[in-house]
Amino acid sequence: MDKLEVYGARKLKGKVLISGSKNASLPILAASILSNKKIILKNLPNVKDIKTMIKLLGSIGSSVRYLKNKNSIEIKNKSKIKTFASYNLVKTMRAGILVLGPMLAKYGNAKVSTPGGCTIGVRPIDIHLKALGKLGVNYKIIDGYVYANSKKKLKGAKIKFPKISVGATENLIIAASMAEGSTILSNCAIEPEVKDLVNFINCMGGKIKWIGKRTIKIEGVKNFKEVKYTIMPDRIEAGTYLIAAAVTEGNLKILGINPNIIRTEIEILKKLGLKIKIEKNQINVVGVKDIKSINLKTSPYPGFPTDLQAQLMVLLCMSKKISTISEEIFENRFMHVAELNRMGAKIKTKGNKAFIEGNTKFKSAELMATDLRASVSLILAALIAKGKTTINRIYHLDRGYEEIEKKLRKLGAKIKRVS
């Protein structure tokens, strides 16, 4: 099993190009099931979750081939596919459940394994299933599989989500795109990745529009057209490199990112003392010695993202005073705390709240990665710890960060992968 060796106490300097968004690519790949026409997707990140989703499409009968590089693909669907997503493919990523909506919309039945992914919370799919039920879907869960069908074509409905859910919003947008009549979805997630999915479906010929801040109107269509689509950049990767510059007191130019989609993160980092200059599709960031403390909570977009909570915690360890982070999205997302404490951090947790004492001098150690974002937080800590830090179980990291060690080496980090 691969691991990373990181030699710390190095400042990061230079330019880094942000890859395509994993969290935008996955629902767009699922939505490709709707169409029988050729689809070309560009700027896909070359990460394990994307490869898994492409394998899943291949397993149900889609023809997928890479074009000039690993970041562009062509998809062609047969008139009939298998409506079965096996546990072996879905177990490593929660996004596998997103094939449920398009299978039901197009074929009226599906058997899909309940999702896996990082062990950071229960991730219930009942919100997905109850909402699909309002479109006319019957379902039951047996032995870890969702068995779902509709006797007739899905029919539009008015649906209000009981709480904001990115995955449920995406699944219902996809399903309703082919449902008869109009669907109104309210209390929707408004993450940029959700809006990228809407843009993609509309480019294929869908009829979706936002009629309120968290309300979408969808007119079902029968067929879709050929499309070439470029995936948006990964805002979580961009935020990670912003924090990497801060942690190492570095100087980075982050390229290929629209600063507007990470406005909240930029404002918070400015409050912590970072020097940030924004240009078109570029962010220049300079780290500083004195990091201010903060009391922060994660929340749905446009709030501070849960996917940057672990990374920010490393930065707050360098503050002179106590900071707090309240984790409002997932109930089990502090598993990195124990590993950071092994490196010298002074972090205590109580329920969904973490208390970060600050003034940490990170020490090298042998570590265990527990989930995708925790993995990268350990790298950030290792970059400023004296000596060699070894991070085990980095398969989590490979699910969401494209060639991270190569990118970091170009910025001056001493990091290598060991098999």
Protein backbone atom coordinates (compact mmCIF):
# COMPACT_ATOMS: atom_id res chain seq x y z
CA MET A 1 0.00 0.00 0.00
CA ASP A 2 1.39 3.41 -0.97
CA LYS A 3 2.47 5.99 1.59
CA LEU A 4 3.93 9.48 1.46
CA GLU A 5 7.18 10.66 3.00
CA VAL A 6 7.30 14.39 3.67
CA TYR A 7 10.36 16.33 4.82
CA GLY A 8 9.20 19.53 6.44
CA ALA A 9 10.25 23.08 7.25
CA ARG A 10 10.01 24.29 3.64
CA LYS A 11 8.21 27.32 2.23
CA LEU A 12 6.11 26.79 -0.88
CA LYS A 13 6.74 29.18 -3.76
CA GLY A 14 5.66 29.32 -7.40
CA LYS A 15 2.58 28.67 -9.53
CA VAL A 16 0.02 25.88 -9.26
CA LEU A 17 -2.70 25.11 -11.81
CA ILE A 18 -5.99 23.94 -10.32
CA SER A 19 -7.50 20.74 -11.76
CA GLY A 20 -11.11 20.13 -12.72
CA SER A 21 -13.60 19.67 -9.91
CA LYS A 22 -14.14 16.13 -8.65
CA ASN A 23 -17.40 17.12 -6.97
CA ALA A 24 -18.73 18.65 -10.20
CA SER A 25 -17.50 15.84 -12.46
CA LEU A 26 -19.22 13.00 -10.60
CA PRO A 27 -22.85 14.19 -10.96
CA ILE A 28 -22.16 15.28 -14.55
CA LEU A 29 -20.86 11.78 -15.35
CA ALA A 30 -24.00 10.33 -13.77
CA ALA A 31 -26.20 12.70 -15.78
CA SER A 32 -24.57 11.48 -19.00
CA ILE A 33 -26.72 8.34 -18.64
CA LEU A 34 -29.73 10.44 -19.72
CA SER A 35 -28.46 10.91 -23.28
CA ASN A 36 -28.08 8.60 -26.29
CA LYS A 37 -25.99 11.22 -28.10
CA LYS A 38 -22.23 11.74 -28.01
CA ILE A 39 -20.93 13.61 -24.98
CA ILE A 40 -17.42 15.03 -24.69
CA LEU A 41 -16.26 16.12 -21.24
CA LYS A 42 -13.10 18.15 -20.74
CA ASN A 43 -11.10 19.13 -17.64
CA LEU A 44 -11.97 15.98 -15.68
CA PRO A 45 -9.52 15.51 -12.80
CA ASN A 46 -7.38 12.40 -13.10
CA VAL A 47 -8.31 11.01 -9.66
CA LYS A 48 -9.56 7.68 -8.38
CA ASP A 49 -13.21 8.67 -7.80
CA ILE A 50 -13.50 9.77 -11.43
CA LYS A 51 -11.90 6.55 -12.67
CA THR A 52 -14.34 4.58 -10.49
CA MET A 53 -17.35 6.45 -11.90
CA ILE A 54 -16.08 5.86 -15.44
CA LYS A 55 -15.76 2.15 -14.63
CA LEU A 56 -19.30 2.23 -13.30
CA LEU A 57 -20.55 3.75 -16.57
CA GLY A 58 -18.67 1.06 -18.48
CA SER A 59 -20.18 -1.68 -16.32
CA ILE A 60 -23.74 -0.62 -17.20
CA GLY A 61 -23.00 -0.51 -20.94
CA SER A 62 -21.84 3.04 -21.68
CA SER A 63 -18.95 3.35 -24.14
CA VAL A 64 -16.30 5.61 -22.61
CA ARG A 65 -12.96 6.40 -24.19
CA TYR A 66 -10.21 8.81 -23.25
CA LEU A 67 -9.26 11.40 -25.85
CA LYS A 68 -5.85 13.10 -26.07
CA ASN A 69 -5.21 12.92 -22.34
CA LYS A 70 -6.63 11.55 -19.09
CA ASN A 71 -8.63 14.75 -18.58
CA SER A 72 -10.97 14.43 -21.59
CA ILE A 73 -13.39 11.64 -22.45
CA GLU A 74 -16.06 10.75 -24.99
CA ILE A 75 -19.22 8.99 -23.82
CA LYS A 76 -21.71 7.14 -26.03
CA ASN A 77 -24.70 5.29 -24.58
CA LYS A 78 -26.61 2.43 -26.13
CA SER A 79 -30.39 2.66 -26.35
CA LYS A 80 -30.53 0.17 -23.46
CA ILE A 81 -28.11 -0.25 -20.57
CA LYS A 82 -27.94 -2.37 -17.42
CA THR A 83 -29.66 -0.56 -14.59
CA PHE A 84 -27.43 -2.10 -11.93
CA ALA A 85 -24.64 -0.42 -9.94
CA SER A 86 -22.71 -3.01 -7.96
CA TYR A 87 -21.33 -2.67 -4.44
CA ASN A 88 -17.79 -3.34 -5.73
CA LEU A 89 -17.88 -0.07 -7.67
CA VAL A 90 -20.02 2.09 -5.39
CA LYS A 91 -18.39 1.09 -2.07
CA THR A 92 -15.51 3.59 -2.34
CA MET A 93 -17.50 6.73 -3.17
CA ARG A 94 -20.81 8.16 -2.05
CA ALA A 95 -21.44 9.68 -5.52
CA GLY A 96 -22.37 6.24 -6.84
CA ILE A 97 -25.94 6.84 -5.61
CA LEU A 98 -26.25 9.59 -8.24
CA VAL A 99 -26.82 7.02 -10.99
CA LEU A 100 -30.16 6.19 -9.36
CA GLY A 101 -31.91 9.32 -10.66
CA PRO A 102 -30.95 9.00 -14.35
CA MET A 103 -31.61 5.24 -14.46
CA LEU A 104 -35.12 5.76 -13.10
CA ALA A 105 -35.82 8.75 -15.34
CA LYS A 106 -34.77 6.96 -18.50
CA TYR A 107 -35.53 3.29 -17.87
CA GLY A 108 -37.96 3.21 -14.95
CA ASN A 109 -35.98 0.84 -12.76
CA ALA A 110 -32.65 0.58 -10.96
CA LYS A 111 -30.73 -1.56 -8.51
CA VAL A 112 -28.00 0.51 -6.88
CA SER A 113 -25.75 -0.27 -3.93
CA THR A 114 -26.01 2.09 -0.99
CA PRO A 115 -22.99 4.43 -1.07
CA GLY A 116 -19.56 4.27 0.53
CA GLY A 117 -16.80 6.90 0.61
CA CYS A 118 -15.06 8.47 3.58
CA THR A 119 -16.20 7.38 7.05
CA ILE A 120 -17.07 10.91 8.18
CA GLY A 121 -20.77 10.48 8.87
CA VAL A 122 -23.85 8.40 8.20
CA ARG A 123 -24.71 10.15 4.90
CA PRO A 124 -28.35 9.00 4.84
CA ILE A 125 -29.95 8.57 1.42
CA ASP A 126 -33.50 8.78 2.73
CA ILE A 127 -33.73 12.38 1.48
CA HIS A 128 -32.94 11.14 -2.06
CA LEU A 129 -35.44 8.29 -1.87
CA LYS A 130 -38.36 10.22 -0.37
CA ALA A 131 -37.96 12.96 -2.97
CA LEU A 132 -37.79 10.42 -5.81
CA GLY A 133 -40.93 8.86 -4.35
CA LYS A 134 -42.77 12.12 -5.02
CA LEU A 135 -41.88 11.74 -8.71
CA GLY A 136 -43.56 8.32 -8.72
CA VAL A 137 -40.74 6.00 -7.67
CA ASN A 138 -41.34 2.91 -5.53
CA TYR A 139 -38.34 1.67 -3.60
CA LYS A 140 -37.08 -0.70 -0.92
CA ILE A 141 -33.64 -1.46 0.51
CA ILE A 142 -32.61 -5.12 0.70
CA ASP A 143 -29.13 -6.39 1.66
CA GLY A 144 -27.50 -3.01 1.09
CA TYR A 145 -29.09 -2.38 -2.32
CA VAL A 146 -31.77 0.11 -3.31
CA TYR A 147 -34.37 -1.58 -5.53
CA ALA A 148 -36.38 1.15 -7.25
CA ASN A 149 -38.91 1.32 -10.06
CA SER A 150 -41.73 3.40 -11.46
CA LYS A 151 -44.73 1.78 -13.14
CA LYS A 152 -45.10 4.78 -15.43
CA LYS A 153 -42.82 7.59 -16.57
CA LEU A 154 -41.69 9.87 -13.74
CA LYS A 155 -44.04 12.81 -13.22
CA GLY A 156 -43.08 16.30 -12.14
CA ALA A 157 -43.94 17.41 -8.61
CA LYS A 158 -43.34 20.13 -6.04
CA ILE A 159 -40.65 18.95 -3.65
CA LYS A 160 -39.17 20.74 -0.66
CA PHE A 161 -36.08 19.12 0.79
CA PRO A 162 -36.29 18.78 4.60
CA LYS A 163 -32.68 19.93 4.83
CA ILE A 164 -30.06 21.14 2.39
CA SER A 165 -28.37 18.17 0.69
CA VAL A 166 -25.98 18.47 -2.24
CA GLY A 167 -26.39 14.84 -3.32
CA ALA A 168 -30.19 14.81 -3.07
CA THR A 169 -30.42 18.10 -4.98
CA GLU A 170 -28.23 16.67 -7.76
CA ASN A 171 -30.09 13.35 -7.95
CA LEU A 172 -33.47 15.07 -8.23
CA ILE A 173 -32.27 17.60 -10.81
CA ILE A 174 -31.06 14.72 -12.98
CA ALA A 175 -34.20 12.61 -12.49
CA ALA A 176 -36.62 15.50 -13.07
CA SER A 177 -34.85 16.45 -16.32
CA MET A 178 -36.78 13.67 -18.09
CA ALA A 179 -39.92 13.59 -15.95
CA GLU A 180 -43.24 14.51 -17.51
CA GLY A 181 -44.29 18.10 -16.82
CA SER A 182 -42.78 20.56 -14.36
CA THR A 183 -40.86 19.93 -11.16
CA ILE A 184 -40.21 22.61 -8.55
CA LEU A 185 -37.38 21.83 -6.12
CA SER A 186 -37.03 24.09 -3.08
CA ASN A 187 -34.49 24.32 -0.24
CA CYS A 188 -31.88 23.19 -2.77
CA ALA A 189 -28.12 23.14 -2.33
CA ILE A 190 -26.58 26.01 -4.33
CA GLU A 191 -22.94 24.88 -4.40
CA PRO A 192 -21.10 25.87 -7.60
CA GLU A 193 -20.90 22.17 -8.45
CA VAL A 194 -24.72 21.95 -8.43
CA LYS A 195 -24.88 24.93 -10.77
CA ASP A 196 -22.28 23.29 -13.03
CA LEU A 197 -24.54 20.23 -13.27
CA VAL A 198 -27.50 22.46 -14.22
CA ASN A 199 -25.38 24.20 -16.88
CA PHE A 200 -24.31 20.82 -18.30
CA ILE A 201 -27.86 19.46 -18.56
CA ASN A 202 -29.05 22.72 -20.14
CA CYS A 203 -26.22 22.50 -22.69
CA MET A 204 -27.54 19.02 -23.58
CA GLY A 205 -30.99 20.51 -24.18
CA GLY A 206 -32.49 20.40 -20.69
CA LYS A 207 -34.87 23.05 -19.43
CA ILE A 208 -33.78 24.04 -15.94
CA LYS A 209 -33.78 27.49 -14.40
CA TRP A 210 -33.31 29.02 -10.99
CA ILE A 211 -36.45 30.86 -9.90
CA GLY A 212 -35.23 31.74 -6.41
CA LYS A 213 -32.04 31.55 -4.35
CA ARG A 214 -32.67 27.90 -3.44
CA THR A 215 -35.52 27.07 -5.82
CA ILE A 216 -35.27 25.39 -9.23
CA LYS A 217 -37.90 24.84 -11.92
CA ILE A 218 -37.35 21.89 -14.26
CA GLU A 219 -39.37 21.17 -17.40
CA GLY A 220 -38.87 17.56 -18.41
CA VAL A 221 -37.62 16.80 -21.92
CA LYS A 222 -37.71 13.55 -23.92
CA ASN A 223 -34.36 13.70 -25.69
CA PHE A 224 -30.97 15.33 -25.43
CA LYS A 225 -28.43 16.53 -28.00
CA GLU A 226 -24.68 16.14 -28.50
CA VAL A 227 -22.57 18.28 -26.21
CA LYS A 228 -19.00 19.29 -25.47
CA TYR A 229 -18.61 20.52 -21.92
CA THR A 230 -15.71 21.76 -19.79
CA ILE A 231 -15.87 20.93 -16.07
CA MET A 232 -15.41 23.81 -13.62
CA PRO A 233 -12.19 24.08 -11.55
CA ASP A 234 -11.92 22.44 -8.13
CA ARG A 235 -12.58 25.06 -5.46
CA ILE A 236 -11.57 22.68 -2.63
CA GLU A 237 -8.19 22.04 -4.25
CA ALA A 238 -7.76 25.81 -4.68
CA GLY A 239 -8.64 26.39 -1.02
CA THR A 240 -6.18 23.69 0.02
CA TYR A 241 -3.31 25.41 -1.81
CA LEU A 242 -4.32 28.78 -0.35
CA ILE A 243 -3.99 27.24 3.11
CA ALA A 244 -0.74 25.48 2.11
CA ALA A 245 0.77 28.88 1.28
CA ALA A 246 -0.41 30.23 4.62
CA VAL A 247 0.88 27.29 6.66
CA THR A 248 4.37 27.38 5.12
CA GLU A 249 4.56 31.22 5.02
CA GLY A 250 4.92 30.72 1.28
CA ASN A 251 4.13 32.74 -1.81
CA LEU A 252 1.85 31.09 -4.38
CA LYS A 253 0.06 32.02 -7.57
CA ILE A 254 -3.01 29.84 -7.86
CA LEU A 255 -4.07 29.63 -11.50
CA GLY A 256 -7.20 28.51 -13.34
CA ILE A 257 -9.71 29.30 -10.60
CA ASN A 258 -12.61 31.74 -10.55
CA PRO A 259 -12.08 33.65 -7.26
CA ASN A 260 -15.82 34.33 -6.98
CA ILE A 261 -16.58 30.70 -6.13
CA ILE A 262 -14.31 30.78 -3.04
CA ARG A 263 -15.12 34.29 -1.85
CA THR A 264 -16.01 33.12 1.69
CA GLU A 265 -12.76 31.20 2.07
CA ILE A 266 -10.71 34.16 0.81
CA GLU A 267 -12.41 36.57 3.23
CA ILE A 268 -11.79 34.25 6.19
CA LEU A 269 -8.12 33.80 5.26
CA LYS A 270 -7.76 37.58 4.99
CA LYS A 271 -9.21 37.91 8.50
CA LEU A 272 -6.57 35.45 9.70
CA GLY A 273 -3.88 37.80 8.34
CA LEU A 274 -3.02 36.45 4.90
CA LYS A 275 -2.08 38.79 2.08
CA ILE A 276 -4.29 37.88 -0.86
CA LYS A 277 -4.50 39.61 -4.23
CA ILE A 278 -7.24 38.62 -6.66
CA GLU A 279 -6.91 38.76 -10.44
CA LYS A 280 -8.99 37.22 -13.22
CA ASN A 281 -8.76 33.41 -12.86
CA GLN A 282 -5.80 33.82 -10.51
CA ILE A 283 -5.19 34.31 -6.79
CA ASN A 284 -1.87 35.47 -5.36
CA VAL A 285 -1.37 34.56 -1.70
CA VAL A 286 1.48 35.32 0.70
CA GLY A 287 1.70 33.68 4.12
CA VAL A 288 2.53 35.63 7.29
CA LYS A 289 4.09 34.78 10.66
CA ASP A 290 1.24 35.99 12.85
CA ILE A 291 -2.00 34.08 12.31
CA LYS A 292 -5.07 35.46 14.06
CA SER A 293 -7.57 33.26 15.90
CA ILE A 294 -11.17 32.76 14.79
CA ASN A 295 -14.45 31.12 15.79
CA LEU A 296 -15.87 29.40 12.74
CA LYS A 297 -18.58 26.96 11.74
CA THR A 298 -18.95 24.94 8.56
CA SER A 299 -22.20 25.37 6.64
CA PRO A 300 -23.71 24.82 3.19
CA TYR A 301 -22.57 27.12 0.38
CA PRO A 302 -21.98 30.05 0.48
CA GLY A 303 -20.74 29.26 4.01
CA PHE A 304 -17.33 27.82 4.86
CA PRO A 305 -17.09 24.31 3.35
CA THR A 306 -16.75 21.21 5.50
CA ASP A 307 -14.24 19.95 2.89
CA LEU A 308 -11.74 22.63 4.02
CA GLN A 309 -12.30 22.25 7.76
CA ALA A 310 -9.37 19.88 8.39
CA GLN A 311 -6.96 22.02 6.35
CA LEU A 312 -7.96 25.22 8.14
CA MET A 313 -7.50 23.51 11.51
CA VAL A 314 -3.80 23.02 10.71
CA LEU A 315 -3.46 26.75 10.03
CA LEU A 316 -5.28 27.66 13.27
CA CYS A 317 -2.77 25.54 15.19
CA MET A 318 -0.30 28.35 14.36
CA SER A 319 -2.41 31.11 15.87
CA LYS A 320 -1.33 32.70 19.18
CA LYS A 321 -4.77 32.26 20.76
CA ILE A 322 -7.54 29.67 21.02
CA SER A 323 -9.77 29.15 17.96
CA THR A 324 -12.92 27.07 17.62
CA ILE A 325 -14.46 25.20 14.70
CA SER A 326 -18.03 23.90 14.81
CA GLU A 327 -18.63 21.10 12.29
CA GLU A 328 -22.25 21.47 11.19
CA ILE A 329 -22.31 19.14 8.16
CA PHE A 330 -20.87 15.75 9.20
CA GLU A 331 -20.94 14.35 12.73
CA ASN A 332 -17.70 12.37 12.48
CA ARG A 333 -15.28 14.71 10.78
CA PHE A 334 -12.65 15.27 13.47
CA MET A 335 -10.72 12.02 12.94
CA HIS A 336 -7.64 14.00 11.87
CA VAL A 337 -7.46 15.60 15.34
CA ALA A 338 -5.81 12.58 16.98
CA GLU A 339 -3.10 12.47 14.31
CA LEU A 340 -2.46 16.23 14.50
CA ASN A 341 -2.17 15.95 18.29
CA ARG A 342 0.44 13.21 17.80
CA MET A 343 2.43 15.82 15.88
CA GLY A 344 2.26 18.28 18.78
CA ALA A 345 -1.06 20.06 18.24
CA LYS A 346 -3.23 20.90 21.24
CA ILE A 347 -6.78 20.29 20.01
CA LYS A 348 -9.72 19.13 22.09
CA THR A 349 -13.13 18.15 20.76
CA LYS A 350 -16.52 18.17 22.41
CA GLY A 351 -19.41 16.98 20.29
CA ASN A 352 -19.26 18.83 16.98
CA LYS A 353 -16.86 21.49 18.28
CA ALA A 354 -13.05 21.58 18.17
CA PHE A 355 -10.98 23.86 20.39
CA ILE A 356 -7.57 24.64 18.86
CA GLU A 357 -5.08 26.05 21.38
CA GLY A 358 -2.51 27.41 18.92
CA ASN A 359 1.24 28.07 19.26
CA THR A 360 1.91 24.61 17.85
CA LYS A 361 5.39 23.53 16.79
CA PHE A 362 4.62 20.51 14.65
CA LYS A 363 6.89 17.47 15.05
CA SER A 364 7.40 14.72 12.49
CA ALA A 365 5.67 11.40 13.10
CA GLU A 366 4.28 8.29 11.42
CA LEU A 367 0.62 8.94 10.66
CA MET A 368 -2.52 7.23 9.42
CA ALA A 369 -4.88 8.99 6.99
CA THR A 370 -8.55 8.44 7.80
CA ASP A 371 -10.39 10.22 4.96
CA LEU A 372 -9.78 12.37 1.89
CA ARG A 373 -9.56 15.83 3.50
CA ALA A 374 -7.90 14.52 6.66
CA SER A 375 -5.16 13.08 4.43
CA VAL A 376 -4.28 16.45 2.97
CA SER A 377 -4.40 18.15 6.38
CA LEU A 378 -1.66 15.77 7.53
CA ILE A 379 0.44 16.76 4.51
CA LEU A 380 0.02 20.45 5.43
CA ALA A 381 1.21 19.76 8.98
CA ALA A 382 4.09 17.64 7.69
CA LEU A 383 5.25 20.47 5.41
CA ILE A 384 6.21 22.53 8.47
CA ALA A 385 7.30 19.75 10.84
CA LYS A 386 11.04 19.21 11.25
CA GLY A 387 12.27 15.88 9.94
CA LYS A 388 10.48 13.12 8.02
CA THR A 389 6.77 12.47 8.41
CA THR A 390 5.28 9.29 6.95
CA ILE A 391 1.59 9.27 6.01
CA ASN A 392 0.03 5.84 5.52
CA ARG A 393 -3.22 4.83 3.76
CA ILE A 394 -3.02 7.60 1.17
CA TYR A 395 -5.51 5.85 -1.13
CA HIS A 396 -8.00 8.29 0.39
CA LEU A 397 -5.89 11.16 -0.96
CA ASP A 398 -5.81 9.68 -4.46
CA ARG A 399 -9.62 9.82 -4.58
CA GLY A 400 -9.66 13.62 -4.80
CA TYR A 401 -6.30 15.32 -5.44
CA GLU A 402 -4.68 15.07 -8.86
CA GLU A 403 -0.92 14.41 -8.68
CA ILE A 404 -0.62 16.27 -5.39
CA GLU A 405 2.93 15.22 -4.65
CA LYS A 406 4.09 16.31 -8.13
CA LYS A 407 2.40 19.69 -7.75
CA LEU A 408 3.91 20.18 -4.29
CA ARG A 409 7.39 19.21 -5.48
CA LYS A 410 7.19 21.89 -8.18
CA LEU A 411 6.44 24.39 -5.40
CA GLY A 412 9.53 23.36 -3.41
CA ALA A 413 8.21 20.64 -1.11
CA LYS A 414 10.30 17.57 -0.43
CA ILE A 415 7.73 14.81 -0.74
CA LYS A 416 7.75 11.37 -2.32
CA ARG A 417 5.46 8.40 -2.76
CA VAL A 418 6.71 5.05 -1.51
CA SER A 419 5.04 1.78 -2.54
